[in-house]
Amino acid sequence: LRKAQIYDRSRLKAGNKIEGPAVVMEMDSTTVILPGHTGSVDKFGNILINPNTSGKSTTRKAAPKKTAASKTAAKKKAASKR
């Protein structure tokens, strides 16, 4: 669970920046800006969402789930090194 700022899309103007986590609401859609991302409103009113350029992400990548096949392959690789 995270706290997020909520924005009214109709009040956003060109040049506005929105730091995630945030939710931008309008009558017929909702835009989510994740942590570690920034939304920028361009001169046409589009919200361009990009990762922050600081190189520091506030989200973690999930480790891939290990399947039975990948476990077997790992055991064979370990056995071949003996």
PDB file of N, CA and C in Angstrom:
ATOM      1  N   LEU A   1       0.848  -1.179   0.000  1.00  0.00           N
ATOM      2  CA  LEU A   1       0.000   0.000   0.000  1.00  0.00           C
ATOM      3  C   LEU A   1       0.885   1.231   0.000  1.00  0.00           C
ATOM      4  N   ARG A   2       0.612   2.157  -0.893  1.00  0.00           N
ATOM      5  CA  ARG A   2       1.371   3.411  -0.982  1.00  0.00           C
ATOM      6  C   ARG A   2       0.414   4.585  -0.996  1.00  0.00           C
ATOM      7  N   LYS A   3       0.874   5.683  -0.481  1.00  0.00           N
ATOM      8  CA  LYS A   3       0.122   6.925  -0.600  1.00  0.00           C
ATOM      9  C   LYS A   3       0.499   7.567  -1.922  1.00  0.00           C
ATOM     10  N   ALA A   4      -0.481   8.158  -2.589  1.00  0.00           N
ATOM     11  CA  ALA A   4      -0.236   8.806  -3.875  1.00  0.00           C
ATOM     12  C   ALA A   4      -1.003  10.116  -3.930  1.00  0.00           C
ATOM     13  N   GLN A   5      -0.447  11.075  -4.641  1.00  0.00           N
ATOM     14  CA  GLN A   5      -1.148  12.332  -4.884  1.00  0.00           C
ATOM     15  C   GLN A   5      -2.198  12.086  -5.960  1.00  0.00           C
ATOM     16  N   ILE A   6      -3.324  12.772  -5.860  1.00  0.00           N
ATOM     17  CA  ILE A   6      -4.383  12.656  -6.861  1.00  0.00           C
ATOM     18  C   ILE A   6      -4.509  14.005  -7.548  1.00  0.00           C
ATOM     19  N   TYR A   7      -4.518  13.996  -8.895  1.00  0.00           N
ATOM     20  CA  TYR A   7      -4.592  15.212  -9.688  1.00  0.00           C
ATOM     21  C   TYR A   7      -5.835  15.198 -10.565  1.00  0.00           C
ATOM     22  N   ASP A   8      -6.424  16.368 -10.777  1.00  0.00           N
ATOM     23  CA  ASP A   8      -7.531  16.560 -11.703  1.00  0.00           C
ATOM     24  C   ASP A   8      -6.922  16.925 -13.055  1.00  0.00           C
ATOM     25  N   ARG A   9      -7.119  16.090 -14.047  1.00  0.00           N
ATOM     26  CA  ARG A   9      -6.505  16.288 -15.363  1.00  0.00           C
ATOM     27  C   ARG A   9      -6.856  17.649 -15.959  1.00  0.00           C
ATOM     28  N   SER A  10      -8.073  18.119 -15.747  1.00  0.00           N
ATOM     29  CA  SER A  10      -8.507  19.381 -16.349  1.00  0.00           C
ATOM     30  C   SER A  10      -7.754  20.596 -15.797  1.00  0.00           C
ATOM     31  N   ARG A  11      -7.090  20.439 -14.664  1.00  0.00           N
ATOM     32  CA  ARG A  11      -6.347  21.547 -14.064  1.00  0.00           C
ATOM     33  C   ARG A  11      -4.868  21.549 -14.435  1.00  0.00           C
ATOM     34  N   LEU A  12      -4.414  20.521 -15.141  1.00  0.00           N
ATOM     35  CA  LEU A  12      -3.002  20.456 -15.534  1.00  0.00           C
ATOM     36  C   LEU A  12      -2.743  21.354 -16.737  1.00  0.00           C
ATOM     37  N   LYS A  13      -1.593  21.998 -16.730  1.00  0.00           N
ATOM     38  CA  LYS A  13      -1.197  22.909 -17.805  1.00  0.00           C
ATOM     39  C   LYS A  13       0.135  22.469 -18.399  1.00  0.00           C
ATOM     40  N   ALA A  14       0.432  22.938 -19.601  1.00  0.00           N
ATOM     41  CA  ALA A  14       1.709  22.633 -20.253  1.00  0.00           C
ATOM     42  C   ALA A  14       2.857  23.017 -19.332  1.00  0.00           C
ATOM     43  N   GLY A  15       3.826  22.116 -19.211  1.00  0.00           N
ATOM     44  CA  GLY A  15       4.994  22.365 -18.366  1.00  0.00           C
ATOM     45  C   GLY A  15       4.872  21.802 -16.962  1.00  0.00           C
ATOM     46  N   ASN A  16       3.663  21.404 -16.548  1.00  0.00           N
ATOM     47  CA  ASN A  16       3.506  20.796 -15.218  1.00  0.00           C
ATOM     48  C   ASN A  16       4.258  19.480 -15.147  1.00  0.00           C
ATOM     49  N   LYS A  17       4.856  19.201 -14.003  1.00  0.00           N
ATOM     50  CA  LYS A  17       5.553  17.931 -13.744  1.00  0.00           C
ATOM     51  C   LYS A  17       4.838  17.243 -12.589  1.00  0.00           C
ATOM     52  N   ILE A  18       4.660  15.940 -12.717  1.00  0.00           N
ATOM     53  CA  ILE A  18       3.964  15.153 -11.697  1.00  0.00           C
ATOM     54  C   ILE A  18       4.878  14.016 -11.280  1.00  0.00           C
ATOM     55  N   GLU A  19       5.308  14.026 -10.039  1.00  0.00           N
ATOM     56  CA  GLU A  19       6.177  12.975  -9.512  1.00  0.00           C
ATOM     57  C   GLU A  19       5.320  11.806  -9.029  1.00  0.00           C
ATOM     58  N   GLY A  20       5.722  10.592  -9.396  1.00  0.00           N
ATOM     59  CA  GLY A  20       5.023   9.397  -8.932  1.00  0.00           C
ATOM     60  C   GLY A  20       5.431   9.067  -7.515  1.00  0.00           C
ATOM     61  N   PRO A  21       4.630   8.387  -6.761  1.00  0.00           N
ATOM     62  CA  PRO A  21       3.353   7.799  -7.158  1.00  0.00           C
ATOM     63  C   PRO A  21       2.255   8.850  -7.208  1.00  0.00           C
ATOM     64  N   ALA A  22       1.475   8.790  -8.291  1.00  0.00           N
ATOM     65  CA  ALA A  22       0.391   9.742  -8.483  1.00  0.00           C
ATOM     66  C   ALA A  22      -0.697   9.117  -9.344  1.00  0.00           C
ATOM     67  N   VAL A  23      -1.902   9.669  -9.201  1.00  0.00           N
ATOM     68  CA  VAL A  23      -3.042   9.259 -10.013  1.00  0.00           C
ATOM     69  C   VAL A  23      -3.625  10.526 -10.624  1.00  0.00           C
ATOM     70  N   VAL A  24      -3.789  10.518 -11.946  1.00  0.00           N
ATOM     71  CA  VAL A  24      -4.396  11.641 -12.648  1.00  0.00           C
ATOM     72  C   VAL A  24      -5.773  11.176 -13.107  1.00  0.00           C
ATOM     73  N   MET A  25      -6.810  11.864 -12.624  1.00  0.00           N
ATOM     74  CA  MET A  25      -8.179  11.429 -12.912  1.00  0.00           C
ATOM     75  C   MET A  25      -8.866  12.407 -13.843  1.00  0.00           C
ATOM     76  N   GLU A  26      -9.669  11.850 -14.741  1.00  0.00           N
ATOM     77  CA  GLU A  26     -10.558  12.647 -15.573  1.00  0.00           C
ATOM     78  C   GLU A  26     -11.841  11.860 -15.758  1.00  0.00           C
ATOM     79  N   MET A  27     -12.800  12.445 -16.438  1.00  0.00           N
ATOM     80  CA  MET A  27     -14.128  11.844 -16.516  1.00  0.00           C
ATOM     81  C   MET A  27     -14.116  10.407 -17.046  1.00  0.00           C
ATOM     82  N   ASP A  28     -13.341  10.134 -18.093  1.00  0.00           N
ATOM     83  CA  ASP A  28     -13.419   8.830 -18.736  1.00  0.00           C
ATOM     84  C   ASP A  28     -12.152   7.988 -18.657  1.00  0.00           C
ATOM     85  N   SER A  29     -11.152   8.440 -17.878  1.00  0.00           N
ATOM     86  CA  SER A  29      -9.944   7.617 -17.750  1.00  0.00           C
ATOM     87  C   SER A  29      -9.164   7.997 -16.500  1.00  0.00           C
ATOM     88  N   THR A  30      -8.225   7.145 -16.177  1.00  0.00           N
ATOM     89  CA  THR A  30      -7.341   7.361 -15.035  1.00  0.00           C
ATOM     90  C   THR A  30      -5.927   7.025 -15.483  1.00  0.00           C
ATOM     91  N   THR A  31      -4.972   7.867 -15.111  1.00  0.00           N
ATOM     92  CA  THR A  31      -3.568   7.626 -15.441  1.00  0.00           C
ATOM     93  C   THR A  31      -2.808   7.424 -14.145  1.00  0.00           C
ATOM     94  N   VAL A  32      -2.015   6.364 -14.087  1.00  0.00           N
ATOM     95  CA  VAL A  32      -1.203   6.068 -12.904  1.00  0.00           C
ATOM     96  C   VAL A  32       0.253   6.367 -13.246  1.00  0.00           C
ATOM     97  N   ILE A  33       0.905   7.112 -12.374  1.00  0.00           N
ATOM     98  CA  ILE A  33       2.336   7.383 -12.517  1.00  0.00           C
ATOM     99  C   ILE A  33       3.019   6.675 -11.358  1.00  0.00           C
ATOM    100  N   LEU A  34       3.846   5.709 -11.687  1.00  0.00           N
ATOM    101  CA  LEU A  34       4.484   4.854 -10.686  1.00  0.00           C
ATOM    102  C   LEU A  34       5.597   5.580  -9.931  1.00  0.00           C
ATOM    103  N   PRO A  35       5.947   5.073  -8.752  1.00  0.00           N
ATOM    104  CA  PRO A  35       7.106   5.624  -8.044  1.00  0.00           C
ATOM    105  C   PRO A  35       8.340   5.513  -8.931  1.00  0.00           C
ATOM    106  N   GLY A  36       9.218   6.493  -8.859  1.00  0.00           N
ATOM    107  CA  GLY A  36      10.416   6.468  -9.687  1.00  0.00           C
ATOM    108  C   GLY A  36      10.180   6.980 -11.095  1.00  0.00           C
ATOM    109  N   HIS A  37       8.986   7.523 -11.364  1.00  0.00           N
ATOM    110  CA  HIS A  37       8.645   8.051 -12.678  1.00  0.00           C
ATOM    111  C   HIS A  37       8.095   9.469 -12.526  1.00  0.00           C
ATOM    112  N   THR A  38       8.185  10.227 -13.606  1.00  0.00           N
ATOM    113  CA  THR A  38       7.658  11.591 -13.627  1.00  0.00           C
ATOM    114  C   THR A  38       6.811  11.767 -14.869  1.00  0.00           C
ATOM    115  N   GLY A  39       5.646  12.385 -14.689  1.00  0.00           N
ATOM    116  CA  GLY A  39       4.798  12.744 -15.812  1.00  0.00           C
ATOM    117  C   GLY A  39       5.010  14.209 -16.138  1.00  0.00           C
ATOM    118  N   SER A  40       5.185  14.513 -17.412  1.00  0.00           N
ATOM    119  CA  SER A  40       5.362  15.892 -17.865  1.00  0.00           C
ATOM    120  C   SER A  40       4.255  16.214 -18.854  1.00  0.00           C
ATOM    121  N   VAL A  41       3.583  17.345 -18.654  1.00  0.00           N
ATOM    122  CA  VAL A  41       2.516  17.743 -19.564  1.00  0.00           C
ATOM    123  C   VAL A  41       3.139  18.550 -20.703  1.00  0.00           C
ATOM    124  N   ASP A  42       2.945  18.065 -21.948  1.00  0.00           N
ATOM    125  CA  ASP A  42       3.518  18.770 -23.103  1.00  0.00           C
ATOM    126  C   ASP A  42       2.573  19.874 -23.576  1.00  0.00           C
ATOM    127  N   LYS A  43       2.974  20.593 -24.639  1.00  0.00           N
ATOM    128  CA  LYS A  43       2.193  21.748 -25.104  1.00  0.00           C
ATOM    129  C   LYS A  43       0.833  21.364 -25.692  1.00  0.00           C
ATOM    130  N   PHE A  44       0.634  20.072 -25.971  1.00  0.00           N
ATOM    131  CA  PHE A  44      -0.647  19.598 -26.493  1.00  0.00           C
ATOM    132  C   PHE A  44      -1.549  19.037 -25.390  1.00  0.00           C
ATOM    133  N   GLY A  45      -1.035  18.983 -24.146  1.00  0.00           N
ATOM    134  CA  GLY A  45      -1.814  18.463 -23.029  1.00  0.00           C
ATOM    135  C   GLY A  45      -1.592  16.984 -22.756  1.00  0.00           C
ATOM    136  N   ASN A  46      -0.711  16.340 -23.519  1.00  0.00           N
ATOM    137  CA  ASN A  46      -0.387  14.928 -23.278  1.00  0.00           C
ATOM    138  C   ASN A  46       0.463  14.805 -22.025  1.00  0.00           C
ATOM    139  N   ILE A  47       0.295  13.704 -21.301  1.00  0.00           N
ATOM    140  CA  ILE A  47       1.159  13.419 -20.153  1.00  0.00           C
ATOM    141  C   ILE A  47       2.203  12.410 -20.618  1.00  0.00           C
ATOM    142  N   LEU A  48       3.454  12.829 -20.659  1.00  0.00           N
ATOM    143  CA  LEU A  48       4.559  11.959 -21.058  1.00  0.00           C
ATOM    144  C   LEU A  48       5.203  11.411 -19.786  1.00  0.00           C
ATOM    145  N   ILE A  49       5.179  10.114 -19.612  1.00  0.00           N
ATOM    146  CA  ILE A  49       5.680   9.487 -18.391  1.00  0.00           C
ATOM    147  C   ILE A  49       7.009   8.814 -18.676  1.00  0.00           C
ATOM    148  N   ASN A  50       8.019   9.168 -17.889  1.00  0.00           N
ATOM    149  CA  ASN A  50       9.364   8.617 -18.063  1.00  0.00           C
ATOM    150  C   ASN A  50       9.962   8.265 -16.711  1.00  0.00           C
ATOM    151  N   PRO A  51      10.896   7.300 -16.696  1.00  0.00           N
ATOM    152  CA  PRO A  51      11.613   7.013 -15.447  1.00  0.00           C
ATOM    153  C   PRO A  51      12.415   8.244 -15.035  1.00  0.00           C
ATOM    154  N   ASN A  52      12.580   8.429 -13.747  1.00  0.00           N
ATOM    155  CA  ASN A  52      13.407   9.531 -13.265  1.00  0.00           C
ATOM    156  C   ASN A  52      14.827   9.343 -13.761  1.00  0.00           C
ATOM    157  N   THR A  53      15.500  10.427 -14.048  1.00  0.00           N
ATOM    158  CA  THR A  53      16.847  10.368 -14.617  1.00  0.00           C
ATOM    159  C   THR A  53      17.929  10.240 -13.562  1.00  0.00           C
ATOM    160  N   SER A  54      17.557  10.202 -12.290  1.00  0.00           N
ATOM    161  CA  SER A  54      18.555  10.117 -11.218  1.00  0.00           C
ATOM    162  C   SER A  54      19.265   8.771 -11.211  1.00  0.00           C
ATOM    163  N   GLY A  55      18.697   7.789 -11.908  1.00  0.00           N
ATOM    164  CA  GLY A  55      19.293   6.460 -11.926  1.00  0.00           C
ATOM    165  C   GLY A  55      18.888   5.619 -10.728  1.00  0.00           C
ATOM    166  N   LYS A  56      18.188   6.240  -9.797  1.00  0.00           N
ATOM    167  CA  LYS A  56      17.730   5.507  -8.615  1.00  0.00           C
ATOM    168  C   LYS A  56      16.260   5.202  -8.780  1.00  0.00           C
ATOM    169  N   SER A  57      15.945   3.931  -8.783  1.00  0.00           N
ATOM    170  CA  SER A  57      14.552   3.519  -8.889  1.00  0.00           C
ATOM    171  C   SER A  57      14.032   3.193  -7.506  1.00  0.00           C
ATOM    172  N   THR A  58      12.800   3.600  -7.247  1.00  0.00           N
ATOM    173  CA  THR A  58      12.220   3.297  -5.946  1.00  0.00           C
ATOM    174  C   THR A  58      11.416   2.008  -5.985  1.00  0.00           C
ATOM    175  N   THR A  59      11.398   1.359  -7.147  1.00  0.00           N
ATOM    176  CA  THR A  59      10.711   0.074  -7.245  1.00  0.00           C
ATOM    177  C   THR A  59      11.737  -1.025  -7.436  1.00  0.00           C
ATOM    178  N   ARG A  60      11.407  -2.210  -6.977  1.00  0.00           N
ATOM    179  CA  ARG A  60      12.303  -3.355  -7.128  1.00  0.00           C
ATOM    180  C   ARG A  60      11.793  -4.259  -8.221  1.00  0.00           C
ATOM    181  N   LYS A  61      12.713  -4.839  -8.954  1.00  0.00           N
ATOM    182  CA  LYS A  61      12.325  -5.829  -9.954  1.00  0.00           C
ATOM    183  C   LYS A  61      12.116  -7.158  -9.248  1.00  0.00           C
ATOM    184  N   ALA A  62      11.061  -7.837  -9.611  1.00  0.00           N
ATOM    185  CA  ALA A  62      10.799  -9.145  -9.023  1.00  0.00           C
ATOM    186  C   ALA A  62      11.740 -10.172  -9.628  1.00  0.00           C
ATOM    187  N   ALA A  63      12.206 -11.090  -8.815  1.00  0.00           N
ATOM    188  CA  ALA A  63      13.058 -12.169  -9.316  1.00  0.00           C
ATOM    189  C   ALA A  63      12.192 -13.120 -10.127  1.00  0.00           C
ATOM    190  N   PRO A  64      12.723 -13.670 -11.226  1.00  0.00           N
ATOM    191  CA  PRO A  64      11.926 -14.608 -12.008  1.00  0.00           C
ATOM    192  C   PRO A  64      11.580 -15.845 -11.182  1.00  0.00           C
ATOM    193  N   LYS A  65      10.387 -16.342 -11.397  1.00  0.00           N
ATOM    194  CA  LYS A  65       9.952 -17.530 -10.670  1.00  0.00           C
ATOM    195  C   LYS A  65      10.685 -18.739 -11.222  1.00  0.00           C
ATOM    196  N   LYS A  66      11.223 -19.556 -10.330  1.00  0.00           N
ATOM    197  CA  LYS A  66      11.948 -20.751 -10.771  1.00  0.00           C
ATOM    198  C   LYS A  66      10.957 -21.875 -11.044  1.00  0.00           C
ATOM    199  N   THR A  67      11.096 -22.459 -12.212  1.00  0.00           N
ATOM    200  CA  THR A  67      10.242 -23.577 -12.593  1.00  0.00           C
ATOM    201  C   THR A  67      10.994 -24.878 -12.360  1.00  0.00           C
ATOM    202  N   ALA A  68      10.297 -25.981 -12.475  1.00  0.00           N
ATOM    203  CA  ALA A  68      10.928 -27.291 -12.300  1.00  0.00           C
ATOM    204  C   ALA A  68      12.039 -27.477 -13.331  1.00  0.00           C
ATOM    205  N   ALA A  69      11.817 -27.002 -14.568  1.00  0.00           N
ATOM    206  CA  ALA A  69      12.827 -27.147 -15.620  1.00  0.00           C
ATOM    207  C   ALA A  69      14.081 -26.340 -15.293  1.00  0.00           C
ATOM    208  N   SER A  70      13.909 -25.123 -14.762  1.00  0.00           N
ATOM    209  CA  SER A  70      15.088 -24.313 -14.450  1.00  0.00           C
ATOM    210  C   SER A  70      15.846 -24.888 -13.259  1.00  0.00           C
ATOM    211  N   LYS A  71      15.136 -25.520 -12.308  1.00  0.00           N
ATOM    212  CA  LYS A  71      15.800 -26.155 -11.164  1.00  0.00           C
ATOM    213  C   LYS A  71      16.625 -27.352 -11.630  1.00  0.00           C
ATOM    214  N   THR A  72      16.072 -28.150 -12.562  1.00  0.00           N
ATOM    215  CA  THR A  72      16.781 -29.311 -13.099  1.00  0.00           C
ATOM    216  C   THR A  72      18.026 -28.860 -13.852  1.00  0.00           C
ATOM    217  N   ALA A  73      17.901 -27.808 -14.652  1.00  0.00           N
ATOM    218  CA  ALA A  73      19.046 -27.287 -15.415  1.00  0.00           C
ATOM    219  C   ALA A  73      20.136 -26.795 -14.461  1.00  0.00           C
ATOM    220  N   ALA A  74      19.743 -26.150 -13.370  1.00  0.00           N
ATOM    221  CA  ALA A  74      20.722 -25.649 -12.398  1.00  0.00           C
ATOM    222  C   ALA A  74      21.453 -26.805 -11.724  1.00  0.00           C
ATOM    223  N   LYS A  75      20.726 -27.898 -11.424  1.00  0.00           N
ATOM    224  CA  LYS A  75      21.360 -29.074 -10.801  1.00  0.00           C
ATOM    225  C   LYS A  75      22.349 -29.718 -11.766  1.00  0.00           C
ATOM    226  N   LYS A  76      21.992 -29.838 -13.055  1.00  0.00           N
ATOM    227  CA  LYS A  76      22.893 -30.421 -14.052  1.00  0.00           C
ATOM    228  C   LYS A  76      24.143 -29.564 -14.209  1.00  0.00           C
ATOM    229  N   LYS A  77      23.970 -28.259 -14.222  1.00  0.00           N
ATOM    230  CA  LYS A  77      25.116 -27.357 -14.362  1.00  0.00           C
ATOM    231  C   LYS A  77      26.050 -27.496 -13.163  1.00  0.00           C
ATOM    232  N   ALA A  78      25.486 -27.573 -11.962  1.00  0.00           N
ATOM    233  CA  ALA A  78      26.300 -27.734 -10.746  1.00  0.00           C
ATOM    234  C   ALA A  78      27.030 -29.076 -10.750  1.00  0.00           C
ATOM    235  N   ALA A  79      26.354 -30.150 -11.223  1.00  0.00           N
ATOM    236  CA  ALA A  79      26.962 -31.472 -11.263  1.00  0.00           C
ATOM    237  C   ALA A  79      28.096 -31.528 -12.268  1.00  0.00           C
ATOM    238  N   SER A  80      27.962 -30.795 -13.377  1.00  0.00           N
ATOM    239  CA  SER A  80      29.006 -30.836 -14.400  1.00  0.00           C
ATOM    240  C   SER A  80      30.283 -30.106 -13.947  1.00  0.00           C
ATOM    241  N   LYS A  81      30.171 -29.233 -12.955  1.00  0.00           N
ATOM    242  CA  LYS A  81      31.335 -28.504 -12.458  1.00  0.00           C
ATOM    243  C   LYS A  81      32.157 -29.325 -11.467  1.00  0.00           C
ATOM    244  N   ARG A  82      31.611 -30.454 -11.027  1.00  0.00           N
ATOM    245  CA  ARG A  82      32.311 -31.277 -10.026  1.00  0.00           C
ATOM    246  C   ARG A  82      33.412 -32.071 -10.625  1.00  0.00           C
TER     247      ARG A  82
END
